[in-house]
Amino acid sequence: MTSIDNFNFKNLKAIVRVDFNVPLNDYFEITDDTRMRAALPTIKKILNDGGSAILMSHLGRPKGREEKYSLKHLVNHLKELTGVEVIFANDCIGPEAEEKAANLKPGQILLLENLRFHPEEKKGDENFAKQLAALADVYVNDAFGTAHRAHASTFTIAKFFPADKKMFGYLIEKEIKSVDKVLKEGQSPVLAIIGGAKVSSKITIIENILPKIDVLMIGGGMAYTFFKALGGKTGSSLVEDDYLDTAKEVMEKAKAQNVKVLLPADSLCADAFANDANTKIFPSDDIADGWMGLDLGEKAREEYKNTILQAKTILWNGPMGVFEMDKFAKGTEVVAKAVAEATQNGAFSVVGGGDSVAAVNKFHLADKVSHVSTGGGAMLEYLEGKTLPGIAAIMK
């Protein structure tokens, strides 16, 4: 497989699938440019080699051609980030895109209009992909956030390039290496911190990673399904009754594989799902009726912090409580700070999944962990052991 590091883009046009699906406010201003900045190393490598970059992305979920989802709103910021003139094409295929791509000079950037203005993109349409491929000499996929979709720009397009002319960008390379470092080369003790509201959304991940970890730390609403499965009283806490047997099976599999499972000793509970609710701490397996667990209690925070500080490899996916409400954010904050401290002490840490990423950003710790994944759904599917179409298309 071709590596971007070893490839010379001199005098070549590279069509790059980036993930510029960034949030915009009512004035079409970018409110978080993380995904754009994540693509810069790949773009700069192409330009520094003496090549030109044709960038394609989706933005939002447009129904046909919608002004508010036009990538033209990103042009000025992309110029600022790259320090290079950015040419914009009002469509991603057709005469204008073809002409602007043909006239592109080394060191220049062409940004194509939103791919999803065409329904053929999501359908993985071969003819649409062929028209995109015809714009360039080389294909680079650097959009990990869409690698789990078999769309025209992430999957089908790769068919039109020989093996030595298609590759991953630096971001996808880093994403894959980071998760593989945890799951395949992790230095013991390997700790997986899995949180969030529901067991159902995380069960496949847990089952896939159990053979590769030493400690499984569970937090968030999903913990109460485990407590009820073990015979505990959970009050009004969120419980998935359909998954009680599944939770028991996880505990049994973990025991058989010598994986230590940590559940929160106590919980900060509330009498309503609200920031101004009355609160009280209960043992997590003995919560009174009318009370619901919304965060880790003080004992759980201390135990979780100490366990994290002993780990050498850490995977964190999912918050420890309802961290969007300040009153119930302390558990997630303690875990985030402990992961950052462990990383400073030499541990390797990967944080992935929208809520976990939001948490490290909220507490200004994103630069204090080894890797923050940009691909929520893609990372979850990769952790589940699924083959991602966008990855497989390059590996062929």
Protein backbone atom coordinates (compact mmCIF):
# COMPACT_ATOMS: atom_id res chain seq x y z
CA MET A 1 0.00 0.00 0.00
CA THR A 2 1.27 3.47 -0.88
CA SER A 3 2.15 5.73 2.06
CA ILE A 4 1.62 9.48 1.72
CA ASP A 5 4.96 10.09 3.42
CA ASN A 6 6.84 8.22 0.69
CA PHE A 7 4.87 9.65 -2.22
CA ASN A 8 5.99 12.67 -4.26
CA PHE A 9 3.11 14.80 -5.56
CA LYS A 10 5.29 16.99 -7.80
CA ASN A 11 3.30 18.19 -10.84
CA LEU A 12 0.38 15.91 -9.89
CA LYS A 13 -3.21 16.81 -9.06
CA ALA A 14 -4.48 15.05 -5.96
CA ILE A 15 -8.20 14.79 -5.26
CA VAL A 16 -8.53 14.64 -1.49
CA ARG A 17 -11.63 13.52 0.41
CA VAL A 18 -11.55 15.73 3.50
CA ASP A 19 -14.11 16.00 6.28
CA PHE A 20 -15.08 19.67 6.28
CA ASN A 21 -18.48 18.94 7.85
CA VAL A 22 -18.03 21.83 10.29
CA PRO A 23 -20.69 23.68 12.33
CA LEU A 24 -21.80 27.08 11.02
CA ASN A 25 -23.81 29.74 12.84
CA ASP A 26 -26.67 31.80 11.35
CA TYR A 27 -24.12 34.12 9.72
CA PHE A 28 -22.35 31.18 8.02
CA GLU A 29 -19.35 31.60 10.35
CA ILE A 30 -17.46 28.47 11.38
CA THR A 31 -17.88 27.85 15.11
CA ASP A 32 -15.41 24.93 15.35
CA ASP A 33 -12.71 24.42 12.71
CA THR A 34 -11.14 21.30 14.29
CA ARG A 35 -11.87 19.12 11.26
CA MET A 36 -10.40 21.66 8.85
CA ARG A 37 -7.22 21.99 10.88
CA ALA A 38 -6.95 18.20 11.06
CA ALA A 39 -6.64 18.07 7.25
CA LEU A 40 -3.81 20.63 7.03
CA PRO A 41 -0.82 18.23 7.25
CA THR A 42 -2.08 16.29 4.21
CA ILE A 43 -2.88 19.43 2.19
CA LYS A 44 0.50 20.98 3.01
CA LYS A 45 2.39 17.81 2.07
CA ILE A 46 0.79 17.83 -1.40
CA LEU A 47 1.46 21.54 -1.96
CA ASN A 48 5.02 21.44 -0.54
CA ASP A 49 5.87 18.59 -2.92
CA GLY A 50 4.86 20.82 -5.84
CA GLY A 51 1.46 19.26 -6.43
CA SER A 52 -2.02 20.76 -6.37
CA ALA A 53 -4.93 19.77 -4.13
CA ILE A 54 -8.55 19.34 -5.21
CA LEU A 55 -10.59 19.12 -2.00
CA MET A 56 -14.02 17.51 -1.80
CA SER A 57 -16.32 17.16 1.19
CA HIS A 58 -19.91 17.07 2.34
CA LEU A 59 -21.47 19.61 4.68
CA GLY A 60 -24.63 18.87 6.64
CA ARG A 61 -27.53 16.90 5.25
CA PRO A 62 -28.84 18.96 2.35
CA LYS A 63 -32.02 18.07 0.50
CA GLY A 64 -30.83 19.00 -2.96
CA ARG A 65 -28.89 22.24 -3.45
CA GLU A 66 -29.23 24.43 -0.33
CA GLU A 67 -27.38 27.73 0.09
CA LYS A 68 -26.76 27.20 3.81
CA TYR A 69 -24.82 24.00 3.08
CA SER A 70 -22.56 25.49 0.41
CA LEU A 71 -18.84 24.95 0.92
CA LYS A 72 -18.24 28.47 -0.42
CA HIS A 73 -18.75 29.59 3.20
CA LEU A 74 -15.46 27.85 4.08
CA VAL A 75 -13.27 29.43 1.39
CA ASN A 76 -11.97 32.45 3.31
CA HIS A 77 -11.15 30.45 6.43
CA LEU A 78 -9.39 27.81 4.34
CA LYS A 79 -7.27 30.58 2.80
CA GLU A 80 -6.32 31.76 6.30
CA LEU A 81 -5.44 28.26 7.48
CA THR A 82 -3.32 27.33 4.44
CA GLY A 83 -1.92 30.73 3.45
CA VAL A 84 -2.76 29.81 -0.15
CA GLU A 85 -5.26 31.14 -2.67
CA VAL A 86 -8.33 28.87 -2.75
CA ILE A 87 -10.28 28.54 -5.99
CA PHE A 88 -13.93 27.50 -5.61
CA ALA A 89 -16.00 25.47 -8.08
CA ASN A 90 -19.78 25.89 -7.90
CA ASP A 91 -20.24 22.17 -8.48
CA CYS A 92 -18.17 19.08 -7.80
CA ILE A 93 -18.64 17.60 -11.28
CA GLY A 94 -19.44 19.04 -14.70
CA PRO A 95 -17.84 21.66 -16.99
CA GLU A 96 -16.85 24.25 -14.35
CA ALA A 97 -15.19 21.72 -12.03
CA GLU A 98 -13.42 20.11 -15.01
CA GLU A 99 -12.14 23.43 -16.34
CA LYS A 100 -10.90 24.67 -12.98
CA ALA A 101 -9.23 21.33 -12.23
CA ALA A 102 -7.54 21.29 -15.65
CA ASN A 103 -6.15 24.80 -15.12
CA LEU A 104 -4.97 24.18 -11.56
CA LYS A 105 -1.28 25.02 -11.08
CA PRO A 106 1.16 23.38 -8.65
CA GLY A 107 0.75 24.89 -5.17
CA GLN A 108 -2.92 25.81 -5.71
CA ILE A 109 -6.07 24.56 -3.98
CA LEU A 110 -9.43 23.92 -5.63
CA LEU A 111 -12.40 23.43 -3.30
CA LEU A 112 -15.34 21.64 -4.89
CA GLU A 113 -18.97 22.32 -3.97
CA ASN A 114 -20.80 20.06 -1.49
CA LEU A 115 -20.77 16.45 -2.70
CA ARG A 116 -24.18 15.78 -1.17
CA PHE A 117 -25.85 18.28 -3.46
CA HIS A 118 -25.88 15.17 -5.68
CA PRO A 119 -27.88 12.14 -4.42
CA GLU A 120 -25.41 9.95 -6.33
CA GLU A 121 -22.78 10.64 -3.63
CA LYS A 122 -24.58 8.73 -0.88
CA LYS A 123 -25.65 6.02 -3.32
CA GLY A 124 -22.00 5.29 -4.17
CA ASP A 125 -22.85 5.86 -7.84
CA GLU A 126 -20.12 4.64 -10.19
CA ASN A 127 -20.59 7.25 -12.91
CA PHE A 128 -20.53 10.10 -10.36
CA ALA A 129 -17.35 8.66 -8.79
CA LYS A 130 -15.77 8.32 -12.24
CA GLN A 131 -16.37 12.02 -12.94
CA LEU A 132 -14.73 12.98 -9.65
CA ALA A 133 -11.77 10.69 -10.34
CA ALA A 134 -11.27 12.20 -13.81
CA LEU A 135 -10.36 15.55 -12.21
CA ALA A 136 -7.06 14.28 -10.76
CA ASP A 137 -4.05 11.98 -11.05
CA VAL A 138 -4.05 10.72 -7.45
CA TYR A 139 -6.69 9.93 -4.82
CA VAL A 140 -6.15 10.62 -1.11
CA ASN A 141 -8.75 9.74 1.52
CA ASP A 142 -8.27 11.77 4.69
CA ALA A 143 -11.87 11.77 5.97
CA PHE A 144 -11.97 9.28 8.82
CA GLY A 145 -15.35 10.65 9.93
CA THR A 146 -16.97 9.22 6.77
CA ALA A 147 -14.77 6.12 6.33
CA HIS A 148 -17.64 3.90 7.53
CA ARG A 149 -19.80 4.99 4.58
CA ALA A 150 -19.65 3.33 1.15
CA HIS A 151 -20.21 6.65 -0.62
CA ALA A 152 -18.93 7.62 -4.07
CA SER A 153 -16.16 9.90 -2.72
CA THR A 154 -15.02 7.55 0.06
CA PHE A 155 -15.34 4.13 -1.55
CA THR A 156 -16.35 3.89 -5.22
CA ILE A 157 -13.82 6.47 -6.46
CA ALA A 158 -10.88 4.30 -5.37
CA LYS A 159 -11.71 1.83 -8.17
CA PHE A 160 -10.54 4.37 -10.74
CA PHE A 161 -6.99 4.68 -9.39
CA PRO A 162 -4.19 2.09 -9.48
CA ALA A 163 -2.79 0.88 -6.15
CA ASP A 164 0.23 3.23 -6.35
CA LYS A 165 -2.02 6.28 -6.94
CA LYS A 166 -4.41 5.95 -3.98
CA MET A 167 -3.55 6.35 -0.31
CA PHE A 168 -4.63 7.54 3.12
CA GLY A 169 -3.89 11.06 4.27
CA TYR A 170 -2.06 11.72 7.54
CA LEU A 171 -5.25 12.01 9.57
CA ILE A 172 -6.66 8.58 8.65
CA GLU A 173 -3.20 7.06 9.10
CA LYS A 174 -3.04 8.52 12.61
CA GLU A 175 -6.58 7.40 13.47
CA ILE A 176 -5.91 3.80 12.47
CA LYS A 177 -2.48 3.66 14.11
CA SER A 178 -3.81 5.15 17.36
CA VAL A 179 -6.66 2.68 17.79
CA ASP A 180 -4.45 -0.22 16.68
CA LYS A 181 -1.85 0.86 19.22
CA VAL A 182 -4.45 0.40 21.95
CA LEU A 183 -6.02 -2.81 20.68
CA LYS A 184 -3.01 -4.59 19.18
CA GLU A 185 0.12 -3.22 20.81
CA GLY A 186 -1.16 -1.78 24.09
CA GLN A 187 1.27 -1.82 27.01
CA SER A 188 -0.31 -3.34 30.15
CA PRO A 189 -2.33 -2.47 32.04
CA VAL A 190 -4.69 -1.65 29.17
CA LEU A 191 -7.76 0.21 30.42
CA ALA A 192 -11.00 0.77 28.52
CA ILE A 193 -13.31 3.44 29.97
CA ILE A 194 -16.75 2.94 28.47
CA GLY A 195 -19.57 5.31 29.38
CA GLY A 196 -22.73 6.78 27.96
CA ALA A 197 -26.39 6.19 28.50
CA LYS A 198 -27.06 2.76 27.05
CA VAL A 199 -25.48 -0.69 27.11
CA SER A 200 -27.18 -1.42 23.77
CA SER A 201 -25.06 1.15 21.93
CA LYS A 202 -21.77 -0.10 23.39
CA ILE A 203 -22.19 -3.87 23.74
CA THR A 204 -20.49 -4.78 20.43
CA ILE A 205 -17.51 -2.60 21.32
CA ILE A 206 -17.19 -4.15 24.78
CA GLU A 207 -17.34 -7.70 23.40
CA ASN A 208 -14.75 -6.91 20.71
CA ILE A 209 -12.22 -5.26 23.05
CA LEU A 210 -12.51 -7.62 26.05
CA PRO A 211 -9.74 -9.99 24.83
CA LYS A 212 -7.39 -7.01 24.38
CA ILE A 213 -7.75 -5.20 27.72
CA ASP A 214 -6.94 -5.73 31.40
CA VAL A 215 -9.51 -3.43 33.01
CA LEU A 216 -13.03 -2.41 31.90
CA MET A 217 -14.31 0.72 33.64
CA ILE A 218 -18.01 1.39 33.19
CA GLY A 219 -19.76 4.72 33.83
CA GLY A 220 -22.75 6.74 32.76
CA GLY A 221 -26.33 5.56 32.58
CA MET A 222 -25.31 2.15 31.25
CA ALA A 223 -23.84 1.25 34.66
CA TYR A 224 -27.33 0.88 36.16
CA THR A 225 -28.28 -1.87 33.74
CA PHE A 226 -25.29 -3.79 35.13
CA PHE A 227 -26.29 -3.07 38.74
CA LYS A 228 -29.85 -4.25 38.16
CA ALA A 229 -28.53 -7.36 36.38
CA LEU A 230 -26.47 -8.09 39.52
CA GLY A 231 -29.54 -7.77 41.73
CA GLY A 232 -29.08 -4.16 42.86
CA LYS A 233 -31.71 -1.47 43.47
CA THR A 234 -31.45 1.31 40.89
CA GLY A 235 -34.34 3.63 41.80
CA SER A 236 -35.48 5.66 38.79
CA SER A 237 -32.10 5.38 37.05
CA LEU A 238 -31.98 4.58 33.34
CA VAL A 239 -32.07 0.79 32.91
CA GLU A 240 -32.42 -1.26 29.72
CA ASP A 241 -34.38 -4.27 30.96
CA ASP A 242 -33.92 -6.01 27.59
CA TYR A 243 -30.16 -6.01 28.20
CA LEU A 244 -29.98 -7.43 31.73
CA ASP A 245 -28.93 -10.89 30.47
CA THR A 246 -26.42 -9.25 28.12
CA ALA A 247 -24.88 -7.33 31.03
CA LYS A 248 -24.55 -10.59 33.03
CA GLU A 249 -22.88 -12.28 30.04
CA VAL A 250 -20.37 -9.41 29.78
CA MET A 251 -19.45 -9.86 33.45
CA GLU A 252 -19.03 -13.62 32.94
CA LYS A 253 -16.92 -13.20 29.79
CA ALA A 254 -14.75 -10.62 31.53
CA LYS A 255 -14.18 -12.95 34.48
CA ALA A 256 -13.28 -15.83 32.14
CA GLN A 257 -10.75 -13.60 30.36
CA ASN A 258 -9.28 -12.20 33.61
CA VAL A 259 -10.53 -8.70 32.83
CA LYS A 260 -11.29 -6.66 35.94
CA VAL A 261 -14.65 -4.87 35.65
CA LEU A 262 -15.06 -1.65 37.62
CA LEU A 263 -18.53 -0.27 38.32
CA PRO A 264 -19.03 2.99 40.27
CA ALA A 265 -19.22 2.34 44.03
CA ASP A 266 -21.53 5.28 44.56
CA SER A 267 -23.60 7.68 42.50
CA LEU A 268 -24.63 11.30 42.66
CA CYS A 269 -28.39 10.98 42.30
CA ALA A 270 -31.19 13.48 41.65
CA ASP A 271 -34.92 13.51 42.19
CA ALA A 272 -35.44 14.89 38.66
CA PHE A 273 -33.54 15.06 35.39
CA ALA A 274 -32.65 18.72 35.80
CA ASN A 275 -29.68 20.88 36.78
CA ASP A 276 -31.62 22.40 39.68
CA ALA A 277 -32.86 19.05 41.05
CA ASN A 278 -32.23 17.97 44.64
CA THR A 279 -29.20 15.69 44.90
CA LYS A 280 -28.04 12.93 47.21
CA ILE A 281 -25.31 10.30 47.11
CA PHE A 282 -26.34 6.63 47.24
CA PRO A 283 -24.42 3.35 46.89
CA SER A 284 -24.88 2.59 43.19
CA ASP A 285 -26.53 -0.76 43.91
CA ASP A 286 -28.92 0.64 46.53
CA ILE A 287 -30.61 3.75 45.09
CA ALA A 288 -33.93 4.67 46.70
CA ASP A 289 -37.15 4.87 44.71
CA GLY A 290 -37.66 8.26 43.06
CA TRP A 291 -33.91 8.92 42.72
CA MET A 292 -31.83 8.50 39.57
CA GLY A 293 -28.06 8.18 39.17
CA LEU A 294 -26.72 11.01 37.01
CA ASP A 295 -23.00 11.07 37.88
CA LEU A 296 -20.22 9.26 39.73
CA GLY A 297 -20.22 9.66 43.50
CA GLU A 298 -17.16 10.75 45.49
CA LYS A 299 -15.87 7.21 46.20
CA ALA A 300 -16.27 6.22 42.54
CA ARG A 301 -14.42 9.34 41.37
CA GLU A 302 -11.48 8.57 43.64
CA GLU A 303 -11.32 4.90 42.65
CA TYR A 304 -11.62 5.69 38.94
CA LYS A 305 -8.95 8.38 39.15
CA ASN A 306 -6.48 6.02 40.91
CA THR A 307 -7.15 3.21 38.40
CA ILE A 308 -6.59 5.53 35.43
CA LEU A 309 -3.30 6.79 36.88
CA GLN A 310 -2.01 3.21 37.04
CA ALA A 311 -2.84 2.44 33.38
CA LYS A 312 -0.25 2.45 30.59
CA THR A 313 -2.73 2.35 27.69
CA ILE A 314 -6.15 4.02 27.83
CA LEU A 315 -9.17 4.00 25.52
CA TRP A 316 -12.00 6.31 26.56
CA ASN A 317 -15.41 6.28 24.90
CA GLY A 318 -18.44 7.83 26.58
CA PRO A 319 -19.02 10.22 29.51
CA MET A 320 -19.43 9.22 33.17
CA GLY A 321 -22.64 11.17 33.72
CA VAL A 322 -24.88 13.89 32.36
CA PHE A 323 -21.88 16.20 31.91
CA GLU A 324 -23.89 18.71 29.87
CA MET A 325 -25.42 19.77 33.20
CA ASP A 326 -22.74 21.37 35.40
CA LYS A 327 -24.12 19.77 38.54
CA PHE A 328 -23.48 16.30 37.08
CA ALA A 329 -20.23 16.96 35.20
CA LYS A 330 -17.75 16.29 38.02
CA GLY A 331 -17.31 12.57 37.36
CA THR A 332 -16.55 13.12 33.69
CA GLU A 333 -14.21 16.00 34.57
CA VAL A 334 -12.29 13.87 37.11
CA VAL A 335 -11.90 11.08 34.54
CA ALA A 336 -10.81 13.53 31.81
CA LYS A 337 -8.20 15.12 34.07
CA ALA A 338 -6.92 11.71 35.20
CA VAL A 339 -6.55 10.54 31.58
CA ALA A 340 -4.60 13.73 30.83
CA GLU A 341 -2.39 13.25 33.91
CA ALA A 342 -1.74 9.59 33.06
CA THR A 343 -0.77 10.67 29.53
CA GLN A 344 1.68 13.25 30.91
CA ASN A 345 3.16 10.42 33.01
CA GLY A 346 3.80 8.30 29.90
CA ALA A 347 0.56 6.45 29.17
CA PHE A 348 -0.83 6.29 25.63
CA SER A 349 -4.42 7.53 25.46
CA VAL A 350 -7.11 7.63 22.79
CA VAL A 351 -10.38 9.51 23.25
CA GLY A 352 -13.19 8.88 20.78
CA GLY A 353 -16.93 9.26 20.38
CA GLY A 354 -18.75 12.59 20.19
CA ASP A 355 -19.53 13.01 23.89
CA SER A 356 -16.04 12.05 25.11
CA VAL A 357 -14.47 14.43 22.61
CA ALA A 358 -16.91 17.16 23.71
CA ALA A 359 -15.87 16.47 27.32
CA VAL A 360 -12.11 16.82 26.74
CA ASN A 361 -12.81 19.99 24.77
CA LYS A 362 -15.06 21.34 27.52
CA PHE A 363 -12.31 20.88 30.10
CA HIS A 364 -9.58 22.15 27.68
CA LEU A 365 -7.65 18.86 27.73
CA ALA A 366 -7.64 17.87 24.03
CA ASP A 367 -3.92 18.65 23.70
CA LYS A 368 -3.14 16.71 26.90
CA VAL A 369 -4.10 13.26 25.56
CA SER A 370 -2.29 11.22 22.90
CA HIS A 371 -5.05 11.22 20.30
CA VAL A 372 -8.56 12.63 19.98
CA SER A 373 -10.50 10.86 17.24
CA THR A 374 -12.28 13.01 14.65
CA GLY A 375 -14.60 10.21 13.55
CA GLY A 376 -17.37 9.38 16.00
CA GLY A 377 -19.34 6.74 14.08
CA ALA A 378 -16.30 5.51 12.16
CA MET A 379 -14.28 5.01 15.32
CA LEU A 380 -17.13 3.13 17.02
CA GLU A 381 -17.46 0.78 14.05
CA TYR A 382 -13.69 0.27 13.95
CA LEU A 383 -13.72 -0.58 17.67
CA GLU A 384 -16.55 -3.02 17.00
CA GLY A 385 -14.22 -4.84 14.60
CA LYS A 386 -16.18 -3.90 11.48
CA THR A 387 -14.52 -3.36 8.12
CA LEU A 388 -14.84 0.30 7.11
CA PRO A 389 -15.53 0.75 3.36
CA GLY A 390 -13.32 3.85 3.12
CA ILE A 391 -10.40 1.93 4.63
CA ALA A 392 -10.98 -1.27 2.63
CA ALA A 393 -11.11 0.64 -0.69
CA ILE A 394 -7.52 1.86 -0.23
CA MET A 395 -6.21 -1.47 1.07
CA LYS A 396 -7.37 -3.38 -2.02
